[in-house]
Amino acid sequence: MKSAILVIDMIYEFVKGRLRSPEVDNIVPNIKRIIDHAHVRKIPVIHVIDSHLPCDVEFKIWGSHAVKGTKDVEIIEELKPLPEDYVLEKRWYSGFRDTGLDALLRDLKVDTLIITGIHTHICVLHTVADAFYYRYNIIVVKDAVTAFSKEDHEYALKYMEKIYGAKLLTTDEVLKSI
């Protein structure tokens, strides 16, 4: 088993901006612990971030957000990538759509994704769905993802576990297993 850490949308727009989750401050330290551990263990860390063009379809639902070239799309200071980390931009909910993520994972010989980030019921869920169809083993770190509400978060976790076979682990459990 070769793992990679996937950090979804931990950018200013979703952590400190208009589309932030009320619980986001609780997951940042957990994601940081996982990233730090991964760096020590030489496990790849891949940030997949929203970076929209002004015409993107998501604006019909969410309004303008995370526009390419703005501060909003920068990864928060606490989780800034190291030079050996990967940063992929996305215009869609899924981290796989038009990002080159699958090709990168195949090049790295990764078969297991350890998924962290925001929002559990949107971008995390859609990324997990595609990971399933691309045949990756999926671990969602349940205390390192969050949503707009506890209900959305819990529903998405159960859905990913039941429908996509995602293994739900805590940060401590992940740190012991990698």
N, C-alpha and C. Protein backbone atom coordinates (compact mmCIF):
# COMPACT_ATOMS: atom_id res chain seq x y z
N MET A 1 0.85 -1.18 0.00
CA MET A 1 0.00 0.00 0.00
C MET A 1 0.89 1.24 0.00
N LYS A 2 0.68 2.12 -0.98
CA LYS A 2 1.38 3.40 -1.01
C LYS A 2 0.33 4.50 -0.94
N SER A 3 0.49 5.35 0.05
CA SER A 3 -0.50 6.40 0.31
C SER A 3 -0.02 7.76 -0.16
N ALA A 4 -1.00 8.65 -0.33
CA ALA A 4 -0.75 10.07 -0.52
C ALA A 4 -1.77 10.82 0.32
N ILE A 5 -1.37 11.98 0.80
CA ILE A 5 -2.27 12.86 1.55
C ILE A 5 -2.89 13.82 0.55
N LEU A 6 -4.20 13.91 0.54
CA LEU A 6 -4.91 14.86 -0.31
C LEU A 6 -5.51 15.93 0.59
N VAL A 7 -5.14 17.17 0.34
CA VAL A 7 -5.64 18.30 1.12
C VAL A 7 -6.52 19.12 0.17
N ILE A 8 -7.82 19.13 0.45
CA ILE A 8 -8.78 19.74 -0.46
C ILE A 8 -9.20 21.13 0.02
N ASP A 9 -8.94 22.12 -0.81
CA ASP A 9 -9.50 23.48 -0.67
C ASP A 9 -9.20 24.19 0.64
N MET A 10 -8.03 23.98 1.19
CA MET A 10 -7.68 24.70 2.42
C MET A 10 -7.07 26.06 2.04
N ILE A 11 -7.91 26.85 1.40
CA ILE A 11 -7.54 28.17 0.89
C ILE A 11 -8.28 29.25 1.67
N TYR A 12 -7.82 30.48 1.52
CA TYR A 12 -8.40 31.59 2.27
C TYR A 12 -9.91 31.71 2.10
N GLU A 13 -10.43 31.52 0.89
CA GLU A 13 -11.87 31.66 0.65
C GLU A 13 -12.69 30.76 1.57
N PHE A 14 -12.22 29.52 1.79
CA PHE A 14 -13.00 28.55 2.56
C PHE A 14 -12.61 28.48 4.03
N VAL A 15 -11.46 29.01 4.37
CA VAL A 15 -11.00 28.96 5.76
C VAL A 15 -11.25 30.27 6.49
N LYS A 16 -11.10 31.38 5.77
CA LYS A 16 -11.25 32.68 6.42
C LYS A 16 -12.26 33.58 5.72
N GLY A 17 -12.77 33.16 4.58
CA GLY A 17 -13.62 34.01 3.74
C GLY A 17 -15.10 33.74 3.87
N ARG A 18 -15.82 34.18 2.86
CA ARG A 18 -17.28 34.13 2.83
C ARG A 18 -17.83 32.70 2.90
N LEU A 19 -17.13 31.75 2.34
CA LEU A 19 -17.63 30.37 2.29
C LEU A 19 -16.95 29.46 3.32
N ARG A 20 -16.58 30.03 4.45
CA ARG A 20 -15.91 29.26 5.49
C ARG A 20 -16.92 28.40 6.25
N SER A 21 -16.41 27.33 6.80
CA SER A 21 -17.20 26.47 7.68
C SER A 21 -17.02 26.95 9.11
N PRO A 22 -18.08 26.90 9.91
CA PRO A 22 -17.93 27.32 11.31
C PRO A 22 -16.96 26.44 12.10
N GLU A 23 -16.71 25.23 11.64
CA GLU A 23 -15.83 24.29 12.36
C GLU A 23 -14.42 24.23 11.79
N VAL A 24 -14.11 25.05 10.80
CA VAL A 24 -12.84 24.91 10.09
C VAL A 24 -11.63 25.07 11.00
N ASP A 25 -11.72 25.92 12.00
CA ASP A 25 -10.57 26.11 12.90
C ASP A 25 -10.21 24.83 13.66
N ASN A 26 -11.17 23.94 13.80
CA ASN A 26 -10.92 22.67 14.50
C ASN A 26 -10.16 21.66 13.65
N ILE A 27 -10.24 21.78 12.33
CA ILE A 27 -9.57 20.77 11.49
C ILE A 27 -8.16 21.18 11.08
N VAL A 28 -7.86 22.47 11.09
CA VAL A 28 -6.53 22.93 10.64
C VAL A 28 -5.40 22.25 11.42
N PRO A 29 -5.44 22.19 12.75
CA PRO A 29 -4.35 21.52 13.48
C PRO A 29 -4.22 20.04 13.13
N ASN A 30 -5.34 19.38 12.89
CA ASN A 30 -5.28 17.95 12.52
C ASN A 30 -4.65 17.76 11.15
N ILE A 31 -5.03 18.60 10.20
CA ILE A 31 -4.43 18.51 8.87
C ILE A 31 -2.93 18.79 8.96
N LYS A 32 -2.56 19.78 9.74
CA LYS A 32 -1.14 20.13 9.93
C LYS A 32 -0.37 18.94 10.49
N ARG A 33 -0.93 18.26 11.49
CA ARG A 33 -0.26 17.08 12.06
C ARG A 33 -0.05 16.00 11.00
N ILE A 34 -1.07 15.78 10.19
CA ILE A 34 -0.98 14.75 9.15
C ILE A 34 0.08 15.13 8.11
N ILE A 35 0.05 16.38 7.67
CA ILE A 35 1.04 16.84 6.69
C ILE A 35 2.45 16.73 7.25
N ASP A 36 2.65 17.18 8.47
CA ASP A 36 3.98 17.11 9.08
C ASP A 36 4.48 15.67 9.17
N HIS A 37 3.60 14.78 9.57
CA HIS A 37 3.95 13.36 9.67
C HIS A 37 4.29 12.80 8.28
N ALA A 38 3.49 13.19 7.29
CA ALA A 38 3.74 12.72 5.92
C ALA A 38 5.10 13.19 5.42
N HIS A 39 5.45 14.43 5.72
CA HIS A 39 6.76 14.94 5.28
C HIS A 39 7.89 14.11 5.88
N VAL A 40 7.78 13.79 7.15
CA VAL A 40 8.82 12.98 7.81
C VAL A 40 8.90 11.60 7.17
N ARG A 41 7.75 11.03 6.84
CA ARG A 41 7.69 9.67 6.29
C ARG A 41 7.86 9.63 4.77
N LYS A 42 8.06 10.80 4.14
CA LYS A 42 8.22 10.91 2.68
C LYS A 42 6.98 10.43 1.93
N ILE A 43 5.82 10.71 2.51
CA ILE A 43 4.54 10.41 1.87
C ILE A 43 4.13 11.65 1.08
N PRO A 44 3.74 11.49 -0.19
CA PRO A 44 3.38 12.66 -0.98
C PRO A 44 2.19 13.43 -0.39
N VAL A 45 2.29 14.75 -0.44
CA VAL A 45 1.22 15.65 -0.02
C VAL A 45 0.76 16.42 -1.25
N ILE A 46 -0.53 16.32 -1.53
CA ILE A 46 -1.09 16.96 -2.72
C ILE A 46 -2.22 17.88 -2.29
N HIS A 47 -2.06 19.16 -2.56
CA HIS A 47 -3.12 20.14 -2.33
C HIS A 47 -3.90 20.29 -3.63
N VAL A 48 -5.22 20.17 -3.54
CA VAL A 48 -6.08 20.42 -4.68
C VAL A 48 -6.95 21.61 -4.29
N ILE A 49 -6.84 22.69 -5.06
CA ILE A 49 -7.48 23.94 -4.63
C ILE A 49 -8.41 24.50 -5.70
N ASP A 50 -9.52 25.07 -5.25
CA ASP A 50 -10.39 25.82 -6.15
C ASP A 50 -9.60 26.98 -6.74
N SER A 51 -9.76 27.19 -8.03
CA SER A 51 -9.13 28.32 -8.72
C SER A 51 -9.96 28.57 -9.98
N HIS A 52 -10.98 29.41 -9.81
CA HIS A 52 -12.00 29.57 -10.85
C HIS A 52 -11.70 30.68 -11.84
N LEU A 53 -12.23 30.49 -13.04
CA LEU A 53 -12.30 31.55 -14.03
C LEU A 53 -13.60 32.32 -13.79
N PRO A 54 -13.66 33.57 -14.22
CA PRO A 54 -14.85 34.39 -13.94
C PRO A 54 -16.16 33.85 -14.52
N CYS A 55 -16.08 32.91 -15.46
CA CYS A 55 -17.29 32.39 -16.11
C CYS A 55 -17.73 31.03 -15.57
N ASP A 56 -17.13 30.53 -14.52
CA ASP A 56 -17.39 29.16 -14.09
C ASP A 56 -18.82 28.94 -13.60
N VAL A 57 -19.32 27.75 -13.87
CA VAL A 57 -20.71 27.38 -13.59
C VAL A 57 -21.05 27.41 -12.10
N GLU A 58 -20.10 27.13 -11.24
CA GLU A 58 -20.39 27.12 -9.79
C GLU A 58 -20.87 28.48 -9.29
N PHE A 59 -20.53 29.54 -10.00
CA PHE A 59 -20.93 30.89 -9.55
C PHE A 59 -22.45 31.05 -9.54
N LYS A 60 -23.15 30.23 -10.35
CA LYS A 60 -24.62 30.28 -10.36
C LYS A 60 -25.19 29.89 -9.00
N ILE A 61 -24.48 29.04 -8.29
CA ILE A 61 -24.95 28.56 -6.99
C ILE A 61 -24.31 29.33 -5.85
N TRP A 62 -23.00 29.53 -5.90
CA TRP A 62 -22.24 30.08 -4.76
C TRP A 62 -21.86 31.54 -4.92
N GLY A 63 -22.11 32.11 -6.08
CA GLY A 63 -21.60 33.45 -6.35
C GLY A 63 -20.12 33.35 -6.66
N SER A 64 -19.54 34.47 -7.03
CA SER A 64 -18.12 34.50 -7.35
C SER A 64 -17.32 34.11 -6.11
N HIS A 65 -16.38 33.18 -6.31
CA HIS A 65 -15.53 32.75 -5.20
C HIS A 65 -14.25 32.12 -5.75
N ALA A 66 -13.21 32.18 -4.95
CA ALA A 66 -11.93 31.53 -5.27
C ALA A 66 -11.51 31.78 -6.72
N VAL A 67 -11.49 33.04 -7.10
CA VAL A 67 -11.13 33.40 -8.47
C VAL A 67 -9.61 33.34 -8.65
N LYS A 68 -9.21 32.66 -9.70
CA LYS A 68 -7.79 32.49 -10.03
C LYS A 68 -7.06 33.84 -9.97
N GLY A 69 -5.89 33.82 -9.33
CA GLY A 69 -5.07 35.03 -9.27
C GLY A 69 -5.36 35.94 -8.09
N THR A 70 -6.34 35.57 -7.24
CA THR A 70 -6.66 36.39 -6.08
C THR A 70 -6.12 35.73 -4.81
N LYS A 71 -6.08 36.50 -3.75
CA LYS A 71 -5.66 36.00 -2.43
C LYS A 71 -6.54 34.83 -1.97
N ASP A 72 -7.81 34.85 -2.39
CA ASP A 72 -8.76 33.82 -1.97
C ASP A 72 -8.32 32.40 -2.31
N VAL A 73 -7.52 32.23 -3.35
CA VAL A 73 -7.12 30.88 -3.76
C VAL A 73 -5.78 30.44 -3.16
N GLU A 74 -5.20 31.28 -2.33
CA GLU A 74 -3.94 30.90 -1.70
C GLU A 74 -4.18 29.93 -0.54
N ILE A 75 -3.33 28.95 -0.44
CA ILE A 75 -3.39 28.00 0.68
C ILE A 75 -3.05 28.76 1.95
N ILE A 76 -3.80 28.48 3.01
CA ILE A 76 -3.59 29.22 4.26
C ILE A 76 -2.17 29.02 4.78
N GLU A 77 -1.71 30.02 5.49
CA GLU A 77 -0.32 30.05 5.96
C GLU A 77 0.05 28.80 6.77
N GLU A 78 -0.85 28.34 7.63
CA GLU A 78 -0.57 27.20 8.50
C GLU A 78 -0.28 25.91 7.73
N LEU A 79 -0.78 25.84 6.50
CA LEU A 79 -0.65 24.61 5.71
C LEU A 79 0.14 24.83 4.42
N LYS A 80 0.88 25.91 4.34
CA LYS A 80 1.64 26.23 3.12
C LYS A 80 2.45 25.02 2.66
N PRO A 81 2.37 24.71 1.37
CA PRO A 81 3.11 23.57 0.86
C PRO A 81 4.63 23.78 0.88
N LEU A 82 5.34 22.69 1.06
CA LEU A 82 6.79 22.69 0.92
C LEU A 82 7.12 22.51 -0.56
N PRO A 83 8.35 22.78 -0.95
CA PRO A 83 8.71 22.64 -2.37
C PRO A 83 8.43 21.24 -2.94
N GLU A 84 8.52 20.21 -2.12
CA GLU A 84 8.28 18.85 -2.63
C GLU A 84 6.79 18.48 -2.71
N ASP A 85 5.92 19.32 -2.19
CA ASP A 85 4.48 19.07 -2.26
C ASP A 85 3.95 19.45 -3.64
N TYR A 86 2.77 18.96 -3.93
CA TYR A 86 2.11 19.24 -5.21
C TYR A 86 0.90 20.13 -4.96
N VAL A 87 0.65 21.05 -5.89
CA VAL A 87 -0.53 21.90 -5.83
C VAL A 87 -1.21 21.84 -7.20
N LEU A 88 -2.44 21.36 -7.20
CA LEU A 88 -3.23 21.27 -8.43
C LEU A 88 -4.44 22.18 -8.32
N GLU A 89 -4.73 22.91 -9.38
CA GLU A 89 -5.89 23.81 -9.39
C GLU A 89 -7.08 23.10 -10.01
N LYS A 90 -8.27 23.39 -9.47
CA LYS A 90 -9.50 22.80 -10.00
C LYS A 90 -10.56 23.87 -10.21
N ARG A 91 -11.45 23.62 -11.16
CA ARG A 91 -12.58 24.52 -11.42
C ARG A 91 -13.91 23.84 -11.10
N TRP A 92 -13.86 22.63 -10.62
CA TRP A 92 -15.05 21.82 -10.38
C TRP A 92 -15.00 21.30 -8.95
N TYR A 93 -16.08 20.66 -8.51
CA TYR A 93 -16.10 20.10 -7.16
C TYR A 93 -15.05 19.01 -6.97
N SER A 94 -14.91 18.13 -7.94
CA SER A 94 -14.00 17.00 -7.79
C SER A 94 -12.55 17.41 -8.03
N GLY A 95 -11.68 16.89 -7.19
CA GLY A 95 -10.25 17.11 -7.36
C GLY A 95 -9.67 16.35 -8.54
N PHE A 96 -10.44 15.46 -9.13
CA PHE A 96 -9.95 14.69 -10.27
C PHE A 96 -10.27 15.33 -11.62
N ARG A 97 -11.33 16.10 -11.70
CA ARG A 97 -11.79 16.60 -12.99
C ARG A 97 -10.84 17.67 -13.55
N ASP A 98 -10.21 17.34 -14.66
CA ASP A 98 -9.35 18.27 -15.42
C ASP A 98 -8.18 18.82 -14.61
N THR A 99 -7.66 18.04 -13.66
CA THR A 99 -6.54 18.51 -12.83
C THR A 99 -5.25 17.73 -13.05
N GLY A 100 -5.34 16.57 -13.65
CA GLY A 100 -4.17 15.71 -13.78
C GLY A 100 -3.89 14.90 -12.52
N LEU A 101 -4.82 14.92 -11.56
CA LEU A 101 -4.59 14.22 -10.30
C LEU A 101 -4.40 12.72 -10.50
N ASP A 102 -5.24 12.09 -11.29
CA ASP A 102 -5.11 10.65 -11.48
C ASP A 102 -3.75 10.30 -12.09
N ALA A 103 -3.32 11.04 -13.10
CA ALA A 103 -2.01 10.78 -13.72
C ALA A 103 -0.88 10.95 -12.71
N LEU A 104 -0.95 11.99 -11.89
CA LEU A 104 0.07 12.21 -10.86
C LEU A 104 0.11 11.04 -9.89
N LEU A 105 -1.06 10.61 -9.41
CA LEU A 105 -1.11 9.50 -8.46
C LEU A 105 -0.55 8.22 -9.08
N ARG A 106 -0.87 7.97 -10.34
CA ARG A 106 -0.35 6.77 -11.03
C ARG A 106 1.18 6.88 -11.17
N ASP A 107 1.67 8.07 -11.51
CA ASP A 107 3.12 8.26 -11.62
C ASP A 107 3.81 8.00 -10.29
N LEU A 108 3.15 8.39 -9.20
CA LEU A 108 3.71 8.20 -7.85
C LEU A 108 3.47 6.79 -7.32
N LYS A 109 2.73 5.98 -8.08
CA LYS A 109 2.40 4.60 -7.70
C LYS A 109 1.54 4.54 -6.43
N VAL A 110 0.68 5.54 -6.27
CA VAL A 110 -0.21 5.63 -5.11
C VAL A 110 -1.45 4.77 -5.36
N ASP A 111 -1.86 4.03 -4.33
CA ASP A 111 -3.11 3.28 -4.42
C ASP A 111 -4.10 3.65 -3.32
N THR A 112 -3.66 4.44 -2.36
CA THR A 112 -4.50 4.80 -1.21
C THR A 112 -4.46 6.30 -0.99
N LEU A 113 -5.64 6.91 -0.91
CA LEU A 113 -5.74 8.34 -0.66
C LEU A 113 -6.21 8.59 0.77
N ILE A 114 -5.50 9.44 1.47
CA ILE A 114 -5.88 9.89 2.80
C ILE A 114 -6.39 11.31 2.62
N ILE A 115 -7.70 11.49 2.77
CA ILE A 115 -8.35 12.73 2.34
C ILE A 115 -8.70 13.62 3.52
N THR A 116 -8.31 14.89 3.38
CA THR A 116 -8.58 15.93 4.37
C THR A 116 -9.12 17.15 3.64
N GLY A 117 -9.71 18.09 4.38
CA GLY A 117 -10.08 19.37 3.79
C GLY A 117 -11.54 19.75 3.94
N ILE A 118 -11.99 20.56 3.00
CA ILE A 118 -13.28 21.23 3.12
C ILE A 118 -13.96 21.26 1.75
N HIS A 119 -15.14 21.17 1.61
CA HIS A 119 -16.29 20.90 2.46
C HIS A 119 -16.68 19.44 2.30
N THR A 120 -16.91 18.78 3.41
CA THR A 120 -17.17 17.33 3.42
C THR A 120 -18.25 16.94 2.41
N HIS A 121 -19.32 17.71 2.35
CA HIS A 121 -20.49 17.35 1.55
C HIS A 121 -20.42 17.85 0.11
N ILE A 122 -19.35 18.54 -0.25
CA ILE A 122 -19.25 19.06 -1.62
C ILE A 122 -17.97 18.53 -2.26
N CYS A 123 -16.88 19.26 -2.15
CA CYS A 123 -15.65 18.89 -2.86
C CYS A 123 -15.02 17.61 -2.33
N VAL A 124 -15.09 17.39 -1.03
CA VAL A 124 -14.56 16.13 -0.49
C VAL A 124 -15.38 14.96 -1.03
N LEU A 125 -16.68 15.05 -0.96
CA LEU A 125 -17.58 13.99 -1.43
C LEU A 125 -17.37 13.70 -2.92
N HIS A 126 -17.32 14.73 -3.75
CA HIS A 126 -17.15 14.51 -5.19
C HIS A 126 -15.77 13.94 -5.52
N THR A 127 -14.76 14.34 -4.78
CA THR A 127 -13.42 13.78 -4.98
C THR A 127 -13.39 12.31 -4.57
N VAL A 128 -14.03 11.99 -3.47
CA VAL A 128 -14.12 10.59 -3.03
C VAL A 128 -14.86 9.74 -4.07
N ALA A 129 -15.94 10.27 -4.63
CA ALA A 129 -16.68 9.53 -5.65
C ALA A 129 -15.76 9.18 -6.83
N ASP A 130 -15.03 10.16 -7.31
CA ASP A 130 -14.13 9.89 -8.44
C ASP A 130 -12.99 8.96 -8.03
N ALA A 131 -12.48 9.11 -6.83
CA ALA A 131 -11.42 8.21 -6.35
C ALA A 131 -11.91 6.76 -6.37
N PHE A 132 -13.14 6.56 -5.96
CA PHE A 132 -13.75 5.23 -5.98
C PHE A 132 -13.76 4.68 -7.41
N TYR A 133 -14.24 5.49 -8.35
CA TYR A 133 -14.33 5.02 -9.73
C TYR A 133 -12.97 4.83 -10.39
N TYR A 134 -11.97 5.54 -9.90
CA TYR A 134 -10.60 5.33 -10.37
C TYR A 134 -9.91 4.19 -9.60
N ARG A 135 -10.65 3.56 -8.69
CA ARG A 135 -10.22 2.36 -7.98
C ARG A 135 -9.14 2.58 -6.93
N TYR A 136 -9.16 3.73 -6.29
CA TYR A 136 -8.25 3.98 -5.17
C TYR A 136 -8.88 3.50 -3.87
N ASN A 137 -8.04 3.08 -2.94
CA ASN A 137 -8.49 2.87 -1.57
C ASN A 137 -8.66 4.26 -0.96
N ILE A 138 -9.71 4.43 -0.19
CA ILE A 138 -10.05 5.77 0.30
C ILE A 138 -10.13 5.78 1.82
N ILE A 139 -9.39 6.70 2.41
CA ILE A 139 -9.49 6.98 3.84
C ILE A 139 -9.89 8.44 3.97
N VAL A 140 -10.99 8.69 4.64
CA VAL A 140 -11.41 10.06 4.93
C VAL A 140 -11.13 10.29 6.41
N VAL A 141 -10.37 11.33 6.69
CA VAL A 141 -10.01 11.63 8.08
C VAL A 141 -11.15 12.47 8.66
N LYS A 142 -12.00 11.82 9.44
CA LYS A 142 -13.27 12.44 9.83
C LYS A 142 -13.12 13.65 10.73
N ASP A 143 -11.98 13.81 11.41
CA ASP A 143 -11.77 15.02 12.21
C ASP A 143 -10.80 15.98 11.51
N ALA A 144 -10.61 15.76 10.20
CA ALA A 144 -9.78 16.66 9.39
C ALA A 144 -10.53 17.08 8.12
N VAL A 145 -11.86 16.93 8.16
CA VAL A 145 -12.76 17.45 7.12
C VAL A 145 -13.92 18.13 7.84
N THR A 146 -14.55 19.07 7.16
CA THR A 146 -15.70 19.75 7.76
C THR A 146 -16.61 20.30 6.66
N ALA A 147 -17.81 20.71 7.08
CA ALA A 147 -18.82 21.22 6.15
C ALA A 147 -19.47 22.47 6.73
N PHE A 148 -20.46 22.98 6.02
CA PHE A 148 -21.18 24.16 6.50
C PHE A 148 -21.95 23.88 7.78
N SER A 149 -22.42 22.63 7.93
CA SER A 149 -23.17 22.27 9.13
C SER A 149 -22.78 20.87 9.57
N LYS A 150 -23.04 20.59 10.84
CA LYS A 150 -22.76 19.25 11.38
C LYS A 150 -23.59 18.20 10.64
N GLU A 151 -24.83 18.55 10.29
CA GLU A 151 -25.70 17.62 9.58
C GLU A 151 -25.13 17.27 8.19
N ASP A 152 -24.69 18.29 7.45
CA ASP A 152 -24.09 18.05 6.14
C ASP A 152 -22.84 17.18 6.27
N HIS A 153 -22.03 17.48 7.28
CA HIS A 153 -20.79 16.74 7.53
C HIS A 153 -21.08 15.27 7.82
N GLU A 154 -21.98 15.02 8.77
CA GLU A 154 -22.30 13.64 9.16
C GLU A 154 -22.93 12.86 8.02
N TYR A 155 -23.85 13.50 7.28
CA TYR A 155 -24.48 12.84 6.15
C TYR A 155 -23.43 12.43 5.12
N ALA A 156 -22.54 13.35 4.78
CA ALA A 156 -21.52 13.07 3.76
C ALA A 156 -20.58 11.95 4.20
N LEU A 157 -20.18 11.96 5.47
CA LEU A 157 -19.31 10.88 5.97
C LEU A 157 -19.99 9.52 5.82
N LYS A 158 -21.24 9.44 6.25
CA LYS A 158 -21.98 8.17 6.15
C LYS A 158 -22.14 7.74 4.69
N TYR A 159 -22.44 8.71 3.83
CA TYR A 159 -22.62 8.42 2.41
C TYR A 159 -21.33 7.88 1.80
N MET A 160 -20.21 8.54 2.08
CA MET A 160 -18.93 8.10 1.51
C MET A 160 -18.55 6.71 2.01
N GLU A 161 -18.86 6.43 3.26
CA GLU A 161 -18.56 5.12 3.82
C GLU A 161 -19.43 4.04 3.18
N LYS A 162 -20.72 4.32 3.09
CA LYS A 162 -21.67 3.32 2.60
C LYS A 162 -21.60 3.13 1.08
N ILE A 163 -21.54 4.22 0.34
CA ILE A 163 -21.64 4.14 -1.12
C ILE A 163 -20.29 3.93 -1.80
N TYR A 164 -19.23 4.52 -1.24
CA TYR A 164 -17.91 4.45 -1.88
C TYR A 164 -16.89 3.63 -1.09
N GLY A 165 -17.32 3.03 0.01
CA GLY A 165 -16.42 2.17 0.77
C GLY A 165 -15.28 2.91 1.46
N ALA A 166 -15.46 4.20 1.66
CA ALA A 166 -14.41 4.98 2.33
C ALA A 166 -14.26 4.50 3.77
N LYS A 167 -13.02 4.39 4.19
CA LYS A 167 -12.72 4.07 5.58
C LYS A 167 -12.66 5.40 6.33
N LEU A 168 -13.40 5.52 7.42
CA LEU A 168 -13.42 6.75 8.20
C LEU A 168 -12.52 6.57 9.42
N LEU A 169 -11.46 7.36 9.48
CA LEU A 169 -10.51 7.29 10.59
C LEU A 169 -10.32 8.66 11.21
N THR A 170 -9.84 8.67 12.44
CA THR A 170 -9.46 9.93 13.10
C THR A 170 -8.02 10.25 12.74
N THR A 171 -7.62 11.47 13.04
CA THR A 171 -6.23 11.87 12.82
C THR A 171 -5.28 10.94 13.55
N ASP A 172 -5.56 10.65 14.82
CA ASP A 172 -4.69 9.77 15.59
C ASP A 172 -4.58 8.38 14.96
N GLU A 173 -5.69 7.86 14.47
CA GLU A 173 -5.67 6.54 13.82
C GLU A 173 -4.83 6.58 12.54
N VAL A 174 -4.95 7.64 11.78
CA VAL A 174 -4.16 7.77 10.55
C VAL A 174 -2.68 7.85 10.88
N LEU A 175 -2.33 8.66 11.87
CA LEU A 175 -0.92 8.83 12.23
C LEU A 175 -0.29 7.51 12.68
N LYS A 176 -1.07 6.65 13.31
CA LYS A 176 -0.56 5.34 13.73
C LYS A 176 -0.41 4.38 12.55
N SER A 177 -1.19 4.61 11.49
CA SER A 177 -1.22 3.65 10.38
C SER A 177 -0.28 3.99 9.23
N ILE A 178 0.27 5.20 9.21
CA ILE A 178 1.16 5.55 8.09
C ILE A 178 2.59 5.78 8.56
